[in-house]
Amino acid sequence: MSDKEFLEMLIKALVDNPNSVAIDRTVDEMGVLLTLTVDRGDMGKIIGRQGNTAKAIRTLLRVVGMKHNARVNLKINEPEGSAEYAPAAANPDEALADLREMQ
């Protein structure tokens, strides 16, 4: 099973809209780059809490890559119209300061 087939099988099992999963595979001197695009509503399932699901997927892809003597990296495309994710504030005072700046 190729790295692209593995990623496609894994992602389609996680998302609610498997027909909207698109994976682009490019190879260069740095290794293999898999670019993943999913439906906007499925982004949370792919990223997971604090990015843990995305980290686990990347770890599995590295293992698949090692089996084929290749360095495999994953890029997750942000869907059009989605907000950029800002890191959470470290404490409540910082959170309040961030909210005040937004006003």
PDB file of N, CA and C in Angstrom:
ATOM      1  N   MET A   1       0.852  -1.175   0.000  1.00  0.00           N
ATOM      2  CA  MET A   1       0.000   0.000   0.000  1.00  0.00           C
ATOM      3  C   MET A   1       0.899   1.240   0.000  1.00  0.00           C
ATOM      4  N   SER A   2       0.610   2.176  -0.889  1.00  0.00           N
ATOM      5  CA  SER A   2       1.406   3.394  -0.981  1.00  0.00           C
ATOM      6  C   SER A   2       1.025   4.372   0.127  1.00  0.00           C
ATOM      7  N   ASP A   3       1.882   5.372   0.325  1.00  0.00           N
ATOM      8  CA  ASP A   3       1.613   6.376   1.355  1.00  0.00           C
ATOM      9  C   ASP A   3       0.319   7.137   1.068  1.00  0.00           C
ATOM     10  N   LYS A   4       0.069   7.450  -0.190  1.00  0.00           N
ATOM     11  CA  LYS A   4      -1.145   8.181  -0.559  1.00  0.00           C
ATOM     12  C   LYS A   4      -2.394   7.332  -0.304  1.00  0.00           C
ATOM     13  N   GLU A   5      -2.342   6.052  -0.685  1.00  0.00           N
ATOM     14  CA  GLU A   5      -3.479   5.151  -0.448  1.00  0.00           C
ATOM     15  C   GLU A   5      -3.745   4.994   1.041  1.00  0.00           C
ATOM     16  N   PHE A   6      -2.670   4.867   1.832  1.00  0.00           N
ATOM     17  CA  PHE A   6      -2.813   4.737   3.280  1.00  0.00           C
ATOM     18  C   PHE A   6      -3.488   5.974   3.870  1.00  0.00           C
ATOM     19  N   LEU A   7      -3.005   7.166   3.482  1.00  0.00           N
ATOM     20  CA  LEU A   7      -3.580   8.397   4.000  1.00  0.00           C
ATOM     21  C   LEU A   7      -5.042   8.531   3.599  1.00  0.00           C
ATOM     22  N   GLU A   8      -5.349   8.205   2.361  1.00  0.00           N
ATOM     23  CA  GLU A   8      -6.734   8.309   1.884  1.00  0.00           C
ATOM     24  C   GLU A   8      -7.661   7.387   2.683  1.00  0.00           C
ATOM     25  N   MET A   9      -7.233   6.159   2.909  1.00  0.00           N
ATOM     26  CA  MET A   9      -8.037   5.201   3.674  1.00  0.00           C
ATOM     27  C   MET A   9      -8.256   5.716   5.107  1.00  0.00           C
ATOM     28  N   LEU A  10      -7.191   6.221   5.712  1.00  0.00           N
ATOM     29  CA  LEU A  10      -7.251   6.708   7.089  1.00  0.00           C
ATOM     30  C   LEU A  10      -8.177   7.916   7.213  1.00  0.00           C
ATOM     31  N   ILE A  11      -8.009   8.893   6.341  1.00  0.00           N
ATOM     32  CA  ILE A  11      -8.794  10.128   6.420  1.00  0.00           C
ATOM     33  C   ILE A  11     -10.266   9.862   6.124  1.00  0.00           C
ATOM     34  N   LYS A  12     -10.542   9.057   5.114  1.00  0.00           N
ATOM     35  CA  LYS A  12     -11.938   8.769   4.767  1.00  0.00           C
ATOM     36  C   LYS A  12     -12.660   8.047   5.900  1.00  0.00           C
ATOM     37  N   ALA A  13     -11.929   7.306   6.725  1.00  0.00           N
ATOM     38  CA  ALA A  13     -12.536   6.642   7.881  1.00  0.00           C
ATOM     39  C   ALA A  13     -12.851   7.635   9.001  1.00  0.00           C
ATOM     40  N   LEU A  14     -12.170   8.768   9.019  1.00  0.00           N
ATOM     41  CA  LEU A  14     -12.349   9.753  10.090  1.00  0.00           C
ATOM     42  C   LEU A  14     -13.421  10.801   9.801  1.00  0.00           C
ATOM     43  N   VAL A  15     -13.618  11.151   8.541  1.00  0.00           N
ATOM     44  CA  VAL A  15     -14.449  12.308   8.192  1.00  0.00           C
ATOM     45  C   VAL A  15     -15.905  11.916   7.914  1.00  0.00           C
ATOM     46  N   ASP A  16     -16.781  12.926   7.948  1.00  0.00           N
ATOM     47  CA  ASP A  16     -18.193  12.728   7.618  1.00  0.00           C
ATOM     48  C   ASP A  16     -18.450  12.842   6.121  1.00  0.00           C
ATOM     49  N   ASN A  17     -17.556  13.531   5.403  1.00  0.00           N
ATOM     50  CA  ASN A  17     -17.713  13.746   3.960  1.00  0.00           C
ATOM     51  C   ASN A  17     -16.540  13.138   3.197  1.00  0.00           C
ATOM     52  N   PRO A  18     -16.488  11.809   3.088  1.00  0.00           N
ATOM     53  CA  PRO A  18     -15.331  11.181   2.445  1.00  0.00           C
ATOM     54  C   PRO A  18     -15.181  11.535   0.962  1.00  0.00           C
ATOM     55  N   ASN A  19     -16.272  11.925   0.300  1.00  0.00           N
ATOM     56  CA  ASN A  19     -16.175  12.267  -1.115  1.00  0.00           C
ATOM     57  C   ASN A  19     -15.440  13.583  -1.352  1.00  0.00           C
ATOM     58  N   SER A  20     -15.293  14.400  -0.324  1.00  0.00           N
ATOM     59  CA  SER A  20     -14.615  15.684  -0.482  1.00  0.00           C
ATOM     60  C   SER A  20     -13.128  15.610  -0.124  1.00  0.00           C
ATOM     61  N   VAL A  21     -12.628  14.424   0.181  1.00  0.00           N
ATOM     62  CA  VAL A  21     -11.210  14.255   0.517  1.00  0.00           C
ATOM     63  C   VAL A  21     -10.389  14.275  -0.772  1.00  0.00           C
ATOM     64  N   ALA A  22      -9.384  15.135  -0.806  1.00  0.00           N
ATOM     65  CA  ALA A  22      -8.476  15.205  -1.954  1.00  0.00           C
ATOM     66  C   ALA A  22      -7.043  15.193  -1.438  1.00  0.00           C
ATOM     67  N   ILE A  23      -6.201  14.384  -2.073  1.00  0.00           N
ATOM     68  CA  ILE A  23      -4.806  14.269  -1.672  1.00  0.00           C
ATOM     69  C   ILE A  23      -3.936  14.459  -2.906  1.00  0.00           C
ATOM     70  N   ASP A  24      -2.986  15.375  -2.790  1.00  0.00           N
ATOM     71  CA  ASP A  24      -2.035  15.622  -3.865  1.00  0.00           C
ATOM     72  C   ASP A  24      -0.675  15.128  -3.394  1.00  0.00           C
ATOM     73  N   ARG A  25       0.035  14.388  -4.235  1.00  0.00           N
ATOM     74  CA  ARG A  25       1.344  13.834  -3.863  1.00  0.00           C
ATOM     75  C   ARG A  25       2.417  14.411  -4.770  1.00  0.00           C
ATOM     76  N   THR A  26       3.431  15.023  -4.150  1.00  0.00           N
ATOM     77  CA  THR A  26       4.565  15.532  -4.909  1.00  0.00           C
ATOM     78  C   THR A  26       5.852  14.987  -4.304  1.00  0.00           C
ATOM     79  N   VAL A  27       6.846  14.791  -5.166  1.00  0.00           N
ATOM     80  CA  VAL A  27       8.141  14.266  -4.731  1.00  0.00           C
ATOM     81  C   VAL A  27       9.215  15.243  -5.185  1.00  0.00           C
ATOM     82  N   ASP A  28      10.122  15.592  -4.263  1.00  0.00           N
ATOM     83  CA  ASP A  28      11.271  16.422  -4.615  1.00  0.00           C
ATOM     84  C   ASP A  28      12.473  15.948  -3.814  1.00  0.00           C
ATOM     85  N   GLU A  29      13.538  16.744  -3.804  1.00  0.00           N
ATOM     86  CA  GLU A  29      14.761  16.331  -3.106  1.00  0.00           C
ATOM     87  C   GLU A  29      14.568  16.234  -1.596  1.00  0.00           C
ATOM     88  N   MET A  30      13.512  16.867  -1.057  1.00  0.00           N
ATOM     89  CA  MET A  30      13.233  16.807   0.381  1.00  0.00           C
ATOM     90  C   MET A  30      12.440  15.556   0.759  1.00  0.00           C
ATOM     91  N   GLY A  31      11.849  14.892  -0.204  1.00  0.00           N
ATOM     92  CA  GLY A  31      11.058  13.696   0.063  1.00  0.00           C
ATOM     93  C   GLY A  31       9.680  13.809  -0.548  1.00  0.00           C
ATOM     94  N   VAL A  32       8.730  13.147   0.069  1.00  0.00           N
ATOM     95  CA  VAL A  32       7.351  13.111  -0.417  1.00  0.00           C
ATOM     96  C   VAL A  32       6.521  14.108   0.387  1.00  0.00           C
ATOM     97  N   LEU A  33       5.720  14.896  -0.314  1.00  0.00           N
ATOM     98  CA  LEU A  33       4.801  15.815   0.345  1.00  0.00           C
ATOM     99  C   LEU A  33       3.381  15.437  -0.054  1.00  0.00           C
ATOM    100  N   LEU A  34       2.582  15.073   0.943  1.00  0.00           N
ATOM    101  CA  LEU A  34       1.172  14.789   0.721  1.00  0.00           C
ATOM    102  C   LEU A  34       0.383  16.002   1.204  1.00  0.00           C
ATOM    103  N   THR A  35      -0.397  16.581   0.302  1.00  0.00           N
ATOM    104  CA  THR A  35      -1.208  17.745   0.632  1.00  0.00           C
ATOM    105  C   THR A  35      -2.657  17.301   0.728  1.00  0.00           C
ATOM    106  N   LEU A  36      -3.251  17.489   1.882  1.00  0.00           N
ATOM    107  CA  LEU A  36      -4.597  17.007   2.174  1.00  0.00           C
ATOM    108  C   LEU A  36      -5.593  18.158   2.177  1.00  0.00           C
ATOM    109  N   THR A  37      -6.701  17.960   1.485  1.00  0.00           N
ATOM    110  CA  THR A  37      -7.803  18.916   1.504  1.00  0.00           C
ATOM    111  C   THR A  37      -9.064  18.157   1.894  1.00  0.00           C
ATOM    112  N   VAL A  38      -9.782  18.667   2.891  1.00  0.00           N
ATOM    113  CA  VAL A  38     -11.026  18.048   3.337  1.00  0.00           C
ATOM    114  C   VAL A  38     -12.118  19.102   3.411  1.00  0.00           C
ATOM    115  N   ASP A  39     -13.344  18.655   3.587  1.00  0.00           N
ATOM    116  CA  ASP A  39     -14.476  19.557   3.767  1.00  0.00           C
ATOM    117  C   ASP A  39     -14.253  20.407   5.014  1.00  0.00           C
ATOM    118  N   ARG A  40     -14.733  21.632   4.944  1.00  0.00           N
ATOM    119  CA  ARG A  40     -14.565  22.579   6.052  1.00  0.00           C
ATOM    120  C   ARG A  40     -15.086  22.014   7.375  1.00  0.00           C
ATOM    121  N   GLY A  41     -16.199  21.296   7.336  1.00  0.00           N
ATOM    122  CA  GLY A  41     -16.787  20.738   8.549  1.00  0.00           C
ATOM    123  C   GLY A  41     -15.993  19.597   9.154  1.00  0.00           C
ATOM    124  N   ASP A  42     -15.071  19.030   8.388  1.00  0.00           N
ATOM    125  CA  ASP A  42     -14.285  17.895   8.867  1.00  0.00           C
ATOM    126  C   ASP A  42     -12.910  18.289   9.404  1.00  0.00           C
ATOM    127  N   MET A  43     -12.570  19.559   9.334  1.00  0.00           N
ATOM    128  CA  MET A  43     -11.234  19.991   9.767  1.00  0.00           C
ATOM    129  C   MET A  43     -10.966  19.645  11.228  1.00  0.00           C
ATOM    130  N   GLY A  44     -11.954  19.822  12.085  1.00  0.00           N
ATOM    131  CA  GLY A  44     -11.770  19.516  13.502  1.00  0.00           C
ATOM    132  C   GLY A  44     -11.454  18.059  13.750  1.00  0.00           C
ATOM    133  N   LYS A  45     -12.033  17.184  12.954  1.00  0.00           N
ATOM    134  CA  LYS A  45     -11.774  15.750  13.107  1.00  0.00           C
ATOM    135  C   LYS A  45     -10.362  15.396  12.674  1.00  0.00           C
ATOM    136  N   ILE A  46      -9.847  16.116  11.695  1.00  0.00           N
ATOM    137  CA  ILE A  46      -8.502  15.837  11.199  1.00  0.00           C
ATOM    138  C   ILE A  46      -7.445  16.433  12.121  1.00  0.00           C
ATOM    139  N   ILE A  47      -7.697  17.633  12.622  1.00  0.00           N
ATOM    140  CA  ILE A  47      -6.729  18.298  13.496  1.00  0.00           C
ATOM    141  C   ILE A  47      -6.765  17.690  14.895  1.00  0.00           C
ATOM    142  N   GLY A  48      -7.961  17.509  15.456  1.00  0.00           N
ATOM    143  CA  GLY A  48      -8.092  16.942  16.795  1.00  0.00           C
ATOM    144  C   GLY A  48      -7.796  17.969  17.876  1.00  0.00           C
ATOM    145  N   ARG A  49      -8.011  17.590  19.097  1.00  0.00           N
ATOM    146  CA  ARG A  49      -7.743  18.487  20.227  1.00  0.00           C
ATOM    147  C   ARG A  49      -6.259  18.759  20.313  1.00  0.00           C
ATOM    148  N   GLN A  50      -5.927  20.029  20.337  1.00  0.00           N
ATOM    149  CA  GLN A  50      -4.543  20.504  20.420  1.00  0.00           C
ATOM    150  C   GLN A  50      -3.664  19.899  19.327  1.00  0.00           C
ATOM    151  N   GLY A  51      -4.283  19.519  18.219  1.00  0.00           N
ATOM    152  CA  GLY A  51      -3.522  18.986  17.093  1.00  0.00           C
ATOM    153  C   GLY A  51      -3.070  17.550  17.247  1.00  0.00           C
ATOM    154  N   ASN A  52      -3.620  16.846  18.232  1.00  0.00           N
ATOM    155  CA  ASN A  52      -3.144  15.489  18.511  1.00  0.00           C
ATOM    156  C   ASN A  52      -3.451  14.505  17.392  1.00  0.00           C
ATOM    157  N   THR A  53      -4.602  14.627  16.753  1.00  0.00           N
ATOM    158  CA  THR A  53      -4.933  13.710  15.661  1.00  0.00           C
ATOM    159  C   THR A  53      -3.996  13.947  14.490  1.00  0.00           C
ATOM    160  N   ALA A  54      -3.756  15.205  14.141  1.00  0.00           N
ATOM    161  CA  ALA A  54      -2.840  15.524  13.040  1.00  0.00           C
ATOM    162  C   ALA A  54      -1.430  15.007  13.343  1.00  0.00           C
ATOM    163  N   LYS A  55      -0.983  15.151  14.583  1.00  0.00           N
ATOM    164  CA  LYS A  55       0.338  14.644  14.969  1.00  0.00           C
ATOM    165  C   LYS A  55       0.402  13.129  14.804  1.00  0.00           C
ATOM    166  N   ALA A  56      -0.656  12.436  15.210  1.00  0.00           N
ATOM    167  CA  ALA A  56      -0.683  10.978  15.094  1.00  0.00           C
ATOM    168  C   ALA A  56      -0.665  10.546  13.630  1.00  0.00           C
ATOM    169  N   ILE A  57      -1.408  11.252  12.781  1.00  0.00           N
ATOM    170  CA  ILE A  57      -1.427  10.935  11.350  1.00  0.00           C
ATOM    171  C   ILE A  57      -0.030  11.126  10.763  1.00  0.00           C
ATOM    172  N   ARG A  58       0.628  12.214  11.131  1.00  0.00           N
ATOM    173  CA  ARG A  58       1.985  12.473  10.623  1.00  0.00           C
ATOM    174  C   ARG A  58       2.967  11.398  11.086  1.00  0.00           C
ATOM    175  N   THR A  59       2.813  10.939  12.324  1.00  0.00           N
ATOM    176  CA  THR A  59       3.676   9.872  12.842  1.00  0.00           C
ATOM    177  C   THR A  59       3.472   8.591  12.048  1.00  0.00           C
ATOM    178  N   LEU A  60       2.224   8.237  11.786  1.00  0.00           N
ATOM    179  CA  LEU A  60       1.945   7.039  10.998  1.00  0.00           C
ATOM    180  C   LEU A  60       2.514   7.154   9.584  1.00  0.00           C
ATOM    181  N   LEU A  61       2.407   8.333   8.991  1.00  0.00           N
ATOM    182  CA  LEU A  61       2.958   8.533   7.648  1.00  0.00           C
ATOM    183  C   LEU A  61       4.481   8.401   7.646  1.00  0.00           C
ATOM    184  N   ARG A  62       5.139   8.856   8.709  1.00  0.00           N
ATOM    185  CA  ARG A  62       6.599   8.682   8.780  1.00  0.00           C
ATOM    186  C   ARG A  62       6.962   7.205   8.831  1.00  0.00           C
ATOM    187  N   VAL A  63       6.172   6.412   9.549  1.00  0.00           N
ATOM    188  CA  VAL A  63       6.422   4.973   9.631  1.00  0.00           C
ATOM    189  C   VAL A  63       6.238   4.327   8.259  1.00  0.00           C
ATOM    190  N   VAL A  64       5.169   4.706   7.559  1.00  0.00           N
ATOM    191  CA  VAL A  64       4.940   4.184   6.206  1.00  0.00           C
ATOM    192  C   VAL A  64       6.097   4.590   5.296  1.00  0.00           C
ATOM    193  N   GLY A  65       6.554   5.824   5.436  1.00  0.00           N
ATOM    194  CA  GLY A  65       7.675   6.297   4.631  1.00  0.00           C
ATOM    195  C   GLY A  65       8.949   5.531   4.905  1.00  0.00           C
ATOM    196  N   MET A  66       9.223   5.225   6.160  1.00  0.00           N
ATOM    197  CA  MET A  66      10.422   4.468   6.504  1.00  0.00           C
ATOM    198  C   MET A  66      10.393   3.089   5.864  1.00  0.00           C
ATOM    199  N   LYS A  67       9.211   2.520   5.763  1.00  0.00           N
ATOM    200  CA  LYS A  67       9.073   1.206   5.134  1.00  0.00           C
ATOM    201  C   LYS A  67       9.480   1.253   3.659  1.00  0.00           C
ATOM    202  N   HIS A  68       9.270   2.425   3.031  1.00  0.00           N
ATOM    203  CA  HIS A  68       9.601   2.586   1.612  1.00  0.00           C
ATOM    204  C   HIS A  68      10.855   3.447   1.409  1.00  0.00           C
ATOM    205  N   ASN A  69      11.646   3.631   2.468  1.00  0.00           N
ATOM    206  CA  ASN A  69      12.870   4.438   2.410  1.00  0.00           C
ATOM    207  C   ASN A  69      12.613   5.839   1.863  1.00  0.00           C
ATOM    208  N   ALA A  70      11.560   6.492   2.341  1.00  0.00           N
ATOM    209  CA  ALA A  70      11.223   7.839   1.901  1.00  0.00           C
ATOM    210  C   ALA A  70      10.821   8.677   3.100  1.00  0.00           C
ATOM    211  N   ARG A  71      11.065   9.966   2.992  1.00  0.00           N
ATOM    212  CA  ARG A  71      10.634  10.907   4.021  1.00  0.00           C
ATOM    213  C   ARG A  71       9.276  11.445   3.581  1.00  0.00           C
ATOM    214  N   VAL A  72       8.242  11.192   4.375  1.00  0.00           N
ATOM    215  CA  VAL A  72       6.885  11.599   4.013  1.00  0.00           C
ATOM    216  C   VAL A  72       6.418  12.698   4.964  1.00  0.00           C
ATOM    217  N   ASN A  73       5.966  13.807   4.383  1.00  0.00           N
ATOM    218  CA  ASN A  73       5.432  14.933   5.159  1.00  0.00           C
ATOM    219  C   ASN A  73       3.993  15.183   4.757  1.00  0.00           C
ATOM    220  N   LEU A  74       3.224  15.721   5.683  1.00  0.00           N
ATOM    221  CA  LEU A  74       1.814  16.011   5.443  1.00  0.00           C
ATOM    222  C   LEU A  74       1.548  17.492   5.616  1.00  0.00           C
ATOM    223  N   LYS A  75       0.887  18.068   4.621  1.00  0.00           N
ATOM    224  CA  LYS A  75       0.413  19.450   4.712  1.00  0.00           C
ATOM    225  C   LYS A  75      -1.106  19.392   4.657  1.00  0.00           C
ATOM    226  N   ILE A  76      -1.759  20.058   5.601  1.00  0.00           N
ATOM    227  CA  ILE A  76      -3.217  20.088   5.635  1.00  0.00           C
ATOM    228  C   ILE A  76      -3.660  21.459   5.153  1.00  0.00           C
ATOM    229  N   ASN A  77      -4.344  21.487   4.019  1.00  0.00           N
ATOM    230  CA  ASN A  77      -4.835  22.753   3.465  1.00  0.00           C
ATOM    231  C   ASN A  77      -5.982  23.279   4.302  1.00  0.00           C
ATOM    232  N   GLU A  78      -5.937  24.572   4.560  1.00  0.00           N
ATOM    233  CA  GLU A  78      -7.036  25.218   5.271  1.00  0.00           C
ATOM    234  C   GLU A  78      -8.140  25.516   4.258  1.00  0.00           C
ATOM    235  N   PRO A  79      -9.365  25.068   4.516  1.00  0.00           N
ATOM    236  CA  PRO A  79     -10.454  25.297   3.567  1.00  0.00           C
ATOM    237  C   PRO A  79     -10.760  26.779   3.400  1.00  0.00           C
ATOM    238  N   GLU A  80     -11.258  27.141   2.232  1.00  0.00           N
ATOM    239  CA  GLU A  80     -11.619  28.530   1.967  1.00  0.00           C
ATOM    240  C   GLU A  80     -12.711  28.971   2.933  1.00  0.00           C
ATOM    241  N   GLY A  81     -12.589  30.186   3.431  1.00  0.00           N
ATOM    242  CA  GLY A  81     -13.608  30.738   4.307  1.00  0.00           C
ATOM    243  C   GLY A  81     -13.460  30.385   5.764  1.00  0.00           C
ATOM    244  N   SER A  82     -12.476  29.572   6.101  1.00  0.00           N
ATOM    245  CA  SER A  82     -12.305  29.224   7.510  1.00  0.00           C
ATOM    246  C   SER A  82     -11.416  30.259   8.176  1.00  0.00           C
ATOM    247  N   ALA A  83     -11.630  30.457   9.444  1.00  0.00           N
ATOM    248  CA  ALA A  83     -10.844  31.430  10.205  1.00  0.00           C
ATOM    249  C   ALA A  83      -9.500  30.837  10.545  1.00  0.00           C
ATOM    250  N   GLU A  84      -8.490  31.676  10.614  1.00  0.00           N
ATOM    251  CA  GLU A  84      -7.186  31.196  11.050  1.00  0.00           C
ATOM    252  C   GLU A  84      -7.255  30.889  12.532  1.00  0.00           C
ATOM    253  N   TYR A  85      -6.579  29.817  12.924  1.00  0.00           N
ATOM    254  CA  TYR A  85      -6.604  29.423  14.316  1.00  0.00           C
ATOM    255  C   TYR A  85      -5.521  30.164  15.065  1.00  0.00           C
ATOM    256  N   ALA A  86      -5.913  30.823  16.165  1.00  0.00           N
ATOM    257  CA  ALA A  86      -4.955  31.532  17.007  1.00  0.00           C
ATOM    258  C   ALA A  86      -4.656  30.656  18.211  1.00  0.00           C
ATOM    259  N   PRO A  87      -3.424  30.664  18.682  1.00  0.00           N
ATOM    260  CA  PRO A  87      -3.116  29.870  19.875  1.00  0.00           C
ATOM    261  C   PRO A  87      -3.883  30.396  21.083  1.00  0.00           C
ATOM    262  N   ALA A  88      -4.265  29.498  21.948  1.00  0.00           N
ATOM    263  CA  ALA A  88      -5.020  29.885  23.141  1.00  0.00           C
ATOM    264  C   ALA A  88      -4.122  30.651  24.101  1.00  0.00           C
ATOM    265  N   ALA A  89      -4.720  31.564  24.826  1.00  0.00           N
ATOM    266  CA  ALA A  89      -3.972  32.348  25.809  1.00  0.00           C
ATOM    267  C   ALA A  89      -3.543  31.440  26.959  1.00  0.00           C
ATOM    268  N   ALA A  90      -2.417  31.771  27.563  1.00  0.00           N
ATOM    269  CA  ALA A  90      -1.867  30.928  28.621  1.00  0.00           C
ATOM    270  C   ALA A  90      -2.639  31.052  29.926  1.00  0.00           C
ATOM    271  N   ASN A  91      -3.247  32.223  30.177  1.00  0.00           N
ATOM    272  CA  ASN A  91      -3.990  32.396  31.422  1.00  0.00           C
ATOM    273  C   ASN A  91      -5.184  33.321  31.181  1.00  0.00           C
ATOM    274  N   PRO A  92      -6.103  33.414  32.140  1.00  0.00           N
ATOM    275  CA  PRO A  92      -7.314  34.229  31.952  1.00  0.00           C
ATOM    276  C   PRO A  92      -7.032  35.709  31.692  1.00  0.00           C
ATOM    277  N   ASP A  93      -5.983  36.271  32.322  1.00  0.00           N
ATOM    278  CA  ASP A  93      -5.660  37.685  32.107  1.00  0.00           C
ATOM    279  C   ASP A  93      -5.271  37.942  30.651  1.00  0.00           C
ATOM    280  N   GLU A  94      -4.486  37.036  30.070  1.00  0.00           N
ATOM    281  CA  GLU A  94      -4.096  37.166  28.664  1.00  0.00           C
ATOM    282  C   GLU A  94      -5.322  37.036  27.765  1.00  0.00           C
ATOM    283  N   ALA A  95      -6.231  36.129  28.113  1.00  0.00           N
ATOM    284  CA  ALA A  95      -7.445  35.943  27.316  1.00  0.00           C
ATOM    285  C   ALA A  95      -8.278  37.221  27.309  1.00  0.00           C
ATOM    286  N   LEU A  96      -8.431  37.858  28.473  1.00  0.00           N
ATOM    287  CA  LEU A  96      -9.183  39.111  28.547  1.00  0.00           C
ATOM    288  C   LEU A  96      -8.512  40.219  27.751  1.00  0.00           C
ATOM    289  N   ALA A  97      -7.186  40.279  27.815  1.00  0.00           N
ATOM    290  CA  ALA A  97      -6.440  41.291  27.055  1.00  0.00           C
ATOM    291  C   ALA A  97      -6.637  41.068  25.556  1.00  0.00           C
ATOM    292  N   ASP A  98      -6.630  39.801  25.124  1.00  0.00           N
ATOM    293  CA  ASP A  98      -6.856  39.495  23.711  1.00  0.00           C
ATOM    294  C   ASP A  98      -8.243  39.919  23.278  1.00  0.00           C
ATOM    295  N   LEU A  99      -9.240  39.681  24.117  1.00  0.00           N
ATOM    296  CA  LEU A  99     -10.608  40.082  23.788  1.00  0.00           C
ATOM    297  C   LEU A  99     -10.732  41.596  23.680  1.00  0.00           C
ATOM    298  N   ARG A 100     -10.067  42.308  24.566  1.00  0.00           N
ATOM    299  CA  ARG A 100     -10.129  43.775  24.525  1.00  0.00           C
ATOM    300  C   ARG A 100      -9.493  44.315  23.245  1.00  0.00           C
ATOM    301  N   GLU A 101      -8.414  43.671  22.797  1.00  0.00           N
ATOM    302  CA  GLU A 101      -7.745  44.095  21.567  1.00  0.00           C
ATOM    303  C   GLU A 101      -8.638  43.902  20.346  1.00  0.00           C
ATOM    304  N   MET A 102      -9.507  42.898  20.387  1.00  0.00           N
ATOM    305  CA  MET A 102     -10.375  42.597  19.265  1.00  0.00           C
ATOM    306  C   MET A 102     -11.476  43.642  19.092  1.00  0.00           C
ATOM    307  N   GLN A 103     -11.821  44.347  20.154  1.00  0.00           N
ATOM    308  CA  GLN A 103     -12.921  45.312  20.102  1.00  0.00           C
ATOM    309  C   GLN A 103     -12.535  46.593  19.444  1.00  0.00           C
TER     310      GLN A 103
END
